[in-house]
Amino acid sequence: MVEIALLAVASITGAVLLYLIAQNIQKYALVYSMKKELQTNKASIIDTYKYKERKRFENIKIAQNIATLLKKAGFTISEYLFFTAALFCALIGGLLFYFMIDNVISVIMGFCIGGYAPFFVLSIAVNRRRRDFNQALSSAISMLVRMMRNGIGFEQALKKSVDANESKVFQEIMGRFLREKDIVGEEKAFAAIYEMVDSSELQIFGISVVIGRSSGGKFSNTLEKLEESINSRIKLQRKVDVATREASFGSYLIIVILALIYVMMDNSFNGNMSKYFFQTDKGKLEFMVTIVWVSIGLFLNSILTKVR
């Protein structure tokens, strides 16, 4: 027990040290790259701003993916701090499972479950932010189209629709677009906010705006067709979410029913089932294997019933 506690403390300390070292390496690499670029004849003030958005650990694919997901989830922490948190959760999960079932397999399973927990929370945050933004985008486009029908210009109507929207996520993302479009142009401003939310509807809106305003013609007609398209996509996504939720609910309901049956049987046998599964080594191992198989079944069910 003492050895495990010491190992956990050592692992956490090592993770913190790696985090601090990575921070310093990133800082010096950033300064060196900026100095090198400013020494060239093509360097400009605008060029130096791209280093603010440079991805860390450029040669590590998984770090790039995590950095992108963190940005789309609205989290301001760095990817290596996220990895540190994942390592800490993995250690906690391993210790908890060791206390419940004291064998190596349970420690490995707890380590995997604890390490996966932050990634699960991250995916939930990304999906929730996307749903919030898409709902707000749908209502904003509808307001934008109505104002343009009444003779209000696109930029003024867009600003009013952003200010009138109740979604903080939408105001944050589109507010950045409004601030940057006059400096770097609409296309680059849209490209910057694509990284802030995992929304295909936003990309469709951005492409339609850039092409529609540059090609001429009656832009309000383009926005009306775009409004119909995005509203149809959002309604379809709602139906998909409901279908996926119903399938998942059925799986979890079966688990609840099995748990109730176990409690009833344990009471019938005067608690002997609980004594076997939680107080004997063989019972603990069988209980752990059962949990693993049920978890695998739920995972496979979520994949098979997921509607895309």
Protein backbone atom coordinates (compact mmCIF):
# COMPACT_ATOMS: atom_id res chain seq x y z
CA MET A 1 0.00 0.00 0.00
CA VAL A 2 2.82 2.40 0.89
CA GLU A 3 4.64 1.57 -2.35
CA ILE A 4 1.55 2.43 -4.41
CA ALA A 5 1.11 5.76 -2.62
CA LEU A 6 4.78 6.61 -3.20
CA LEU A 7 4.46 5.65 -6.86
CA ALA A 8 1.42 7.90 -7.22
CA VAL A 9 3.22 10.86 -5.61
CA ALA A 10 6.28 10.29 -7.79
CA SER A 11 4.17 10.09 -10.95
CA ILE A 12 2.31 13.31 -10.14
CA THR A 13 5.56 15.10 -9.34
CA GLY A 14 7.10 13.89 -12.59
CA ALA A 15 4.08 15.03 -14.58
CA VAL A 16 4.27 18.51 -13.06
CA LEU A 17 7.98 18.74 -13.82
CA LEU A 18 7.38 17.66 -17.42
CA TYR A 19 4.70 20.32 -17.70
CA LEU A 20 7.06 23.06 -16.50
CA ILE A 21 9.84 21.87 -18.80
CA ALA A 22 7.48 21.82 -21.78
CA GLN A 23 6.34 25.36 -20.97
CA ASN A 24 9.92 26.64 -21.02
CA ILE A 25 10.80 24.79 -24.21
CA GLN A 26 7.75 26.24 -25.92
CA LYS A 27 8.57 29.76 -24.76
CA TYR A 28 12.15 29.68 -26.02
CA ALA A 29 11.16 28.04 -29.31
CA LEU A 30 8.55 30.77 -29.85
CA VAL A 31 11.00 33.57 -29.18
CA TYR A 32 13.61 32.02 -31.46
CA SER A 33 11.11 31.57 -34.31
CA MET A 34 9.89 35.16 -34.04
CA LYS A 35 13.45 36.53 -34.08
CA LYS A 36 14.32 34.41 -37.08
CA GLU A 37 11.26 35.57 -39.02
CA LEU A 38 11.76 39.23 -38.17
CA GLN A 39 15.27 39.05 -39.56
CA THR A 40 13.96 38.26 -43.05
CA ASN A 41 12.93 40.96 -45.51
CA LYS A 42 9.41 39.53 -45.89
CA ALA A 43 8.57 39.73 -42.21
CA SER A 44 5.81 42.10 -41.16
CA ILE A 45 3.92 42.97 -38.02
CA ILE A 46 0.98 40.84 -39.10
CA ASP A 47 3.25 37.80 -39.58
CA THR A 48 4.25 37.82 -35.92
CA TYR A 49 0.66 37.24 -34.83
CA LYS A 50 0.58 33.78 -36.34
CA TYR A 51 2.88 32.55 -33.60
CA LYS A 52 0.18 33.20 -31.04
CA GLU A 53 -1.92 30.48 -32.65
CA ARG A 54 0.95 28.08 -33.35
CA LYS A 55 0.20 24.57 -32.21
CA ARG A 56 2.40 23.07 -29.54
CA PHE A 57 4.19 19.76 -30.09
CA GLU A 58 3.91 20.16 -33.86
CA ASN A 59 5.40 16.71 -34.50
CA ILE A 60 2.99 14.88 -32.17
CA LYS A 61 -0.32 14.21 -33.90
CA ILE A 62 -2.31 13.35 -30.77
CA ALA A 63 -1.22 16.60 -29.09
CA GLN A 64 -2.45 18.57 -32.10
CA ASN A 65 -5.81 16.79 -31.99
CA ILE A 66 -6.21 17.43 -28.27
CA ALA A 67 -5.29 21.11 -28.71
CA THR A 68 -7.96 21.41 -31.42
CA LEU A 69 -10.60 19.71 -29.26
CA LEU A 70 -9.75 21.91 -26.27
CA LYS A 71 -10.24 25.00 -28.39
CA LYS A 72 -13.52 23.70 -29.81
CA ALA A 73 -14.72 22.88 -26.29
CA GLY A 74 -13.99 26.46 -25.16
CA PHE A 75 -11.29 25.40 -22.67
CA THR A 76 -8.32 27.73 -22.29
CA ILE A 77 -5.90 25.18 -20.81
CA SER A 78 -2.97 23.81 -22.79
CA GLU A 79 -2.88 20.28 -24.15
CA TYR A 80 -0.01 19.17 -21.93
CA LEU A 81 -1.88 20.40 -18.85
CA PHE A 82 -4.80 18.30 -20.06
CA PHE A 83 -2.50 15.29 -20.37
CA THR A 84 -1.30 15.95 -16.82
CA ALA A 85 -4.90 15.93 -15.60
CA ALA A 86 -5.56 12.70 -17.54
CA LEU A 87 -2.54 11.09 -15.90
CA PHE A 88 -3.70 12.21 -12.46
CA CYS A 89 -7.20 10.79 -13.07
CA ALA A 90 -5.64 7.54 -14.28
CA LEU A 91 -3.64 7.24 -11.05
CA ILE A 92 -6.73 7.94 -8.95
CA GLY A 93 -8.72 5.37 -10.92
CA GLY A 94 -6.00 2.75 -10.46
CA LEU A 95 -5.83 3.36 -6.70
CA LEU A 96 -9.62 3.21 -6.30
CA PHE A 97 -9.89 -0.08 -8.17
CA TYR A 98 -6.98 -1.46 -6.18
CA PHE A 99 -8.80 -0.67 -2.93
CA MET A 100 -11.93 -2.42 -4.22
CA ILE A 101 -10.27 -5.42 -5.89
CA ASP A 102 -6.63 -5.85 -4.93
CA ASN A 103 -5.05 -7.39 -8.01
CA VAL A 104 -2.99 -6.18 -10.97
CA ILE A 105 -5.78 -6.50 -13.53
CA SER A 106 -8.08 -4.25 -11.52
CA VAL A 107 -5.32 -1.61 -11.25
CA ILE A 108 -4.83 -1.67 -15.03
CA MET A 109 -8.58 -1.40 -15.63
CA GLY A 110 -8.89 1.48 -13.15
CA PHE A 111 -5.94 3.21 -14.76
CA CYS A 112 -7.57 2.97 -18.21
CA ILE A 113 -11.00 4.12 -17.00
CA GLY A 114 -9.55 7.01 -15.00
CA GLY A 115 -7.37 8.12 -17.91
CA TYR A 116 -10.30 8.00 -20.32
CA ALA A 117 -12.56 10.10 -18.07
CA PRO A 118 -11.07 13.53 -19.06
CA PHE A 119 -11.36 12.65 -22.75
CA PHE A 120 -15.00 11.65 -22.22
CA VAL A 121 -15.72 14.98 -20.50
CA LEU A 122 -13.93 16.80 -23.33
CA SER A 123 -16.09 15.13 -25.99
CA ILE A 124 -19.25 16.04 -24.06
CA ALA A 125 -18.11 19.67 -23.84
CA VAL A 126 -17.38 19.81 -27.59
CA ASN A 127 -20.80 18.39 -28.50
CA ARG A 128 -22.65 20.66 -26.06
CA ARG A 129 -20.87 23.74 -27.38
CA ARG A 130 -21.67 22.72 -30.95
CA ARG A 131 -25.39 22.27 -30.20
CA ASP A 132 -25.56 25.60 -28.39
CA PHE A 133 -23.84 27.41 -31.24
CA ASN A 134 -25.90 25.80 -34.01
CA GLN A 135 -29.18 26.70 -32.30
CA ALA A 136 -28.01 30.29 -31.93
CA LEU A 137 -26.73 30.40 -35.51
CA SER A 138 -30.12 29.27 -36.83
CA SER A 139 -32.00 32.04 -35.02
CA ALA A 140 -29.34 34.63 -35.94
CA ILE A 141 -29.56 33.82 -39.66
CA SER A 142 -33.35 34.10 -39.51
CA MET A 143 -33.05 37.53 -37.90
CA LEU A 144 -30.34 38.49 -40.40
CA VAL A 145 -32.55 37.60 -43.37
CA ARG A 146 -35.53 39.57 -41.98
CA MET A 147 -33.43 42.69 -41.40
CA MET A 148 -31.90 42.52 -44.88
CA ARG A 149 -35.39 42.28 -46.38
CA ASN A 150 -36.15 45.58 -44.64
CA GLY A 151 -33.18 47.25 -46.34
CA ILE A 152 -30.52 46.96 -43.62
CA GLY A 153 -27.00 46.20 -44.84
CA PHE A 154 -25.37 42.84 -44.22
CA GLU A 155 -22.66 43.99 -41.79
CA GLN A 156 -25.03 46.10 -39.71
CA ALA A 157 -27.68 43.36 -39.69
CA LEU A 158 -25.08 40.74 -38.68
CA LYS A 159 -23.85 42.89 -35.81
CA LYS A 160 -27.39 43.44 -34.53
CA SER A 161 -28.24 39.74 -34.78
CA VAL A 162 -25.11 38.87 -32.79
CA ASP A 163 -25.85 41.47 -30.10
CA ALA A 164 -29.47 40.33 -29.81
CA ASN A 165 -28.58 36.65 -29.48
CA GLU A 166 -28.83 35.11 -26.02
CA SER A 167 -26.09 32.51 -26.50
CA LYS A 168 -22.80 33.50 -24.86
CA VAL A 169 -20.95 31.01 -27.04
CA PHE A 170 -22.36 32.52 -30.21
CA GLN A 171 -21.58 36.07 -29.07
CA GLU A 172 -18.02 35.08 -28.22
CA ILE A 173 -17.32 33.38 -31.56
CA MET A 174 -19.10 35.81 -33.86
CA GLY A 175 -17.83 38.76 -31.83
CA ARG A 176 -14.30 37.69 -32.66
CA PHE A 177 -15.27 37.46 -36.34
CA LEU A 178 -16.66 41.00 -36.31
CA ARG A 179 -13.50 42.33 -34.67
CA GLU A 180 -11.09 40.62 -37.06
CA LYS A 181 -12.84 40.77 -40.43
CA ASP A 182 -11.89 44.40 -41.06
CA ILE A 183 -8.25 43.66 -40.26
CA VAL A 184 -7.51 40.34 -41.96
CA GLY A 185 -10.55 40.00 -44.23
CA GLU A 186 -13.70 37.90 -44.01
CA GLU A 187 -12.15 34.68 -45.30
CA LYS A 188 -9.31 34.61 -42.76
CA ALA A 189 -11.64 35.75 -39.97
CA PHE A 190 -13.99 32.85 -40.72
CA ALA A 191 -11.04 30.45 -40.84
CA ALA A 192 -10.04 31.59 -37.35
CA ILE A 193 -13.46 30.98 -35.79
CA TYR A 194 -13.82 27.56 -37.47
CA GLU A 195 -11.30 26.35 -34.88
CA MET A 196 -13.44 27.61 -31.97
CA VAL A 197 -16.40 25.29 -32.47
CA ASP A 198 -16.99 21.95 -34.19
CA SER A 199 -19.81 23.17 -36.42
CA SER A 200 -20.33 22.22 -40.05
CA GLU A 201 -23.17 24.75 -40.17
CA LEU A 202 -20.75 27.56 -39.38
CA GLN A 203 -18.46 26.48 -42.21
CA ILE A 204 -21.40 26.40 -44.62
CA PHE A 205 -22.41 29.87 -43.47
CA GLY A 206 -18.87 31.20 -43.83
CA ILE A 207 -18.35 29.77 -47.31
CA SER A 208 -21.73 31.09 -48.46
CA VAL A 209 -20.98 34.58 -47.13
CA VAL A 210 -17.51 34.77 -48.70
CA ILE A 211 -18.64 33.48 -52.09
CA GLY A 212 -21.95 35.37 -52.11
CA ARG A 213 -20.45 38.76 -51.26
CA SER A 214 -17.57 38.39 -53.73
CA SER A 215 -19.61 37.09 -56.67
CA GLY A 216 -22.21 39.86 -56.66
CA GLY A 217 -25.91 39.41 -57.28
CA LYS A 218 -28.68 39.63 -54.71
CA PHE A 219 -27.03 38.35 -51.56
CA SER A 220 -30.29 38.26 -49.59
CA ASN A 221 -31.61 35.46 -51.82
CA THR A 222 -28.51 33.41 -51.06
CA LEU A 223 -29.05 33.93 -47.33
CA GLU A 224 -32.70 32.85 -47.59
CA LYS A 225 -31.69 29.55 -49.20
CA LEU A 226 -28.94 29.19 -46.62
CA GLU A 227 -31.46 29.74 -43.82
CA GLU A 228 -33.65 26.91 -45.13
CA SER A 229 -30.65 24.60 -45.49
CA ILE A 230 -29.24 25.20 -42.01
CA ASN A 231 -32.67 24.96 -40.34
CA SER A 232 -33.25 21.63 -42.09
CA ARG A 233 -29.85 20.34 -40.94
CA ILE A 234 -30.51 21.34 -37.33
CA LYS A 235 -33.96 19.71 -37.32
CA LEU A 236 -32.43 16.53 -38.76
CA GLN A 237 -29.71 16.60 -36.10
CA ARG A 238 -32.37 16.82 -33.38
CA LYS A 239 -34.02 13.68 -34.74
CA VAL A 240 -30.64 11.93 -34.83
CA ASP A 241 -29.93 12.91 -31.21
CA VAL A 242 -33.32 11.62 -30.10
CA ALA A 243 -32.84 8.30 -31.94
CA THR A 244 -29.36 7.82 -30.45
CA ARG A 245 -30.58 8.75 -26.96
CA GLU A 246 -33.43 6.23 -27.14
CA ALA A 247 -31.06 3.42 -28.13
CA SER A 248 -28.63 4.28 -25.33
CA PHE A 249 -31.45 4.53 -22.80
CA GLY A 250 -32.54 0.99 -23.61
CA SER A 251 -29.06 -0.37 -22.93
CA TYR A 252 -28.72 1.38 -19.59
CA LEU A 253 -32.23 0.28 -18.60
CA ILE A 254 -31.17 -3.36 -19.02
CA ILE A 255 -28.20 -2.74 -16.68
CA VAL A 256 -30.52 -1.21 -14.06
CA ILE A 257 -32.89 -4.19 -14.30
CA LEU A 258 -29.98 -6.64 -13.85
CA ALA A 259 -28.77 -4.67 -10.81
CA LEU A 260 -32.25 -4.86 -9.26
CA ILE A 261 -32.41 -8.62 -9.93
CA TYR A 262 -29.00 -9.01 -8.24
CA VAL A 263 -30.20 -7.10 -5.15
CA MET A 264 -33.34 -9.22 -4.94
CA MET A 265 -31.37 -12.47 -5.26
CA ASP A 266 -28.80 -11.32 -2.71
CA ASN A 267 -31.58 -10.63 -0.21
CA SER A 268 -33.05 -14.07 -0.89
CA PHE A 269 -29.68 -15.71 -0.09
CA ASN A 270 -29.16 -13.61 3.07
CA GLY A 271 -26.32 -11.57 1.59
CA ASN A 272 -24.17 -14.56 0.60
CA MET A 273 -23.82 -13.33 -3.00
CA SER A 274 -22.34 -10.01 -1.84
CA LYS A 275 -19.98 -11.84 0.50
CA TYR A 276 -18.79 -14.03 -2.35
CA PHE A 277 -18.31 -11.25 -4.91
CA PHE A 278 -16.80 -8.65 -2.56
CA GLN A 279 -14.99 -10.65 0.13
CA THR A 280 -13.35 -13.54 -1.74
CA ASP A 281 -10.51 -13.27 -4.26
CA LYS A 282 -12.27 -15.47 -6.81
CA GLY A 283 -15.51 -13.54 -6.46
CA LYS A 284 -13.74 -10.21 -6.84
CA LEU A 285 -12.08 -11.40 -10.03
CA GLU A 286 -15.36 -12.66 -11.46
CA PHE A 287 -17.09 -9.39 -10.56
CA MET A 288 -14.33 -7.40 -12.27
CA VAL A 289 -14.52 -9.54 -15.42
CA THR A 290 -18.30 -9.02 -15.47
CA ILE A 291 -17.83 -5.24 -15.29
CA VAL A 292 -15.32 -5.39 -18.17
CA TRP A 293 -17.66 -7.38 -20.39
CA VAL A 294 -20.61 -5.11 -19.62
CA SER A 295 -18.48 -2.05 -20.40
CA ILE A 296 -17.37 -3.55 -23.70
CA GLY A 297 -20.98 -4.36 -24.53
CA LEU A 298 -22.12 -0.80 -23.82
CA PHE A 299 -19.26 0.58 -25.91
CA LEU A 300 -20.08 -1.64 -28.88
CA ASN A 301 -23.77 -0.83 -28.54
CA SER A 302 -23.03 2.91 -28.61
CA ILE A 303 -21.05 2.44 -31.83
CA LEU A 304 -23.64 0.21 -33.54
CA THR A 305 -26.63 2.39 -32.62
CA LYS A 306 -24.98 5.72 -33.33
CA VAL A 307 -26.79 7.52 -36.15
CA ARG A 308 -24.61 9.71 -38.34
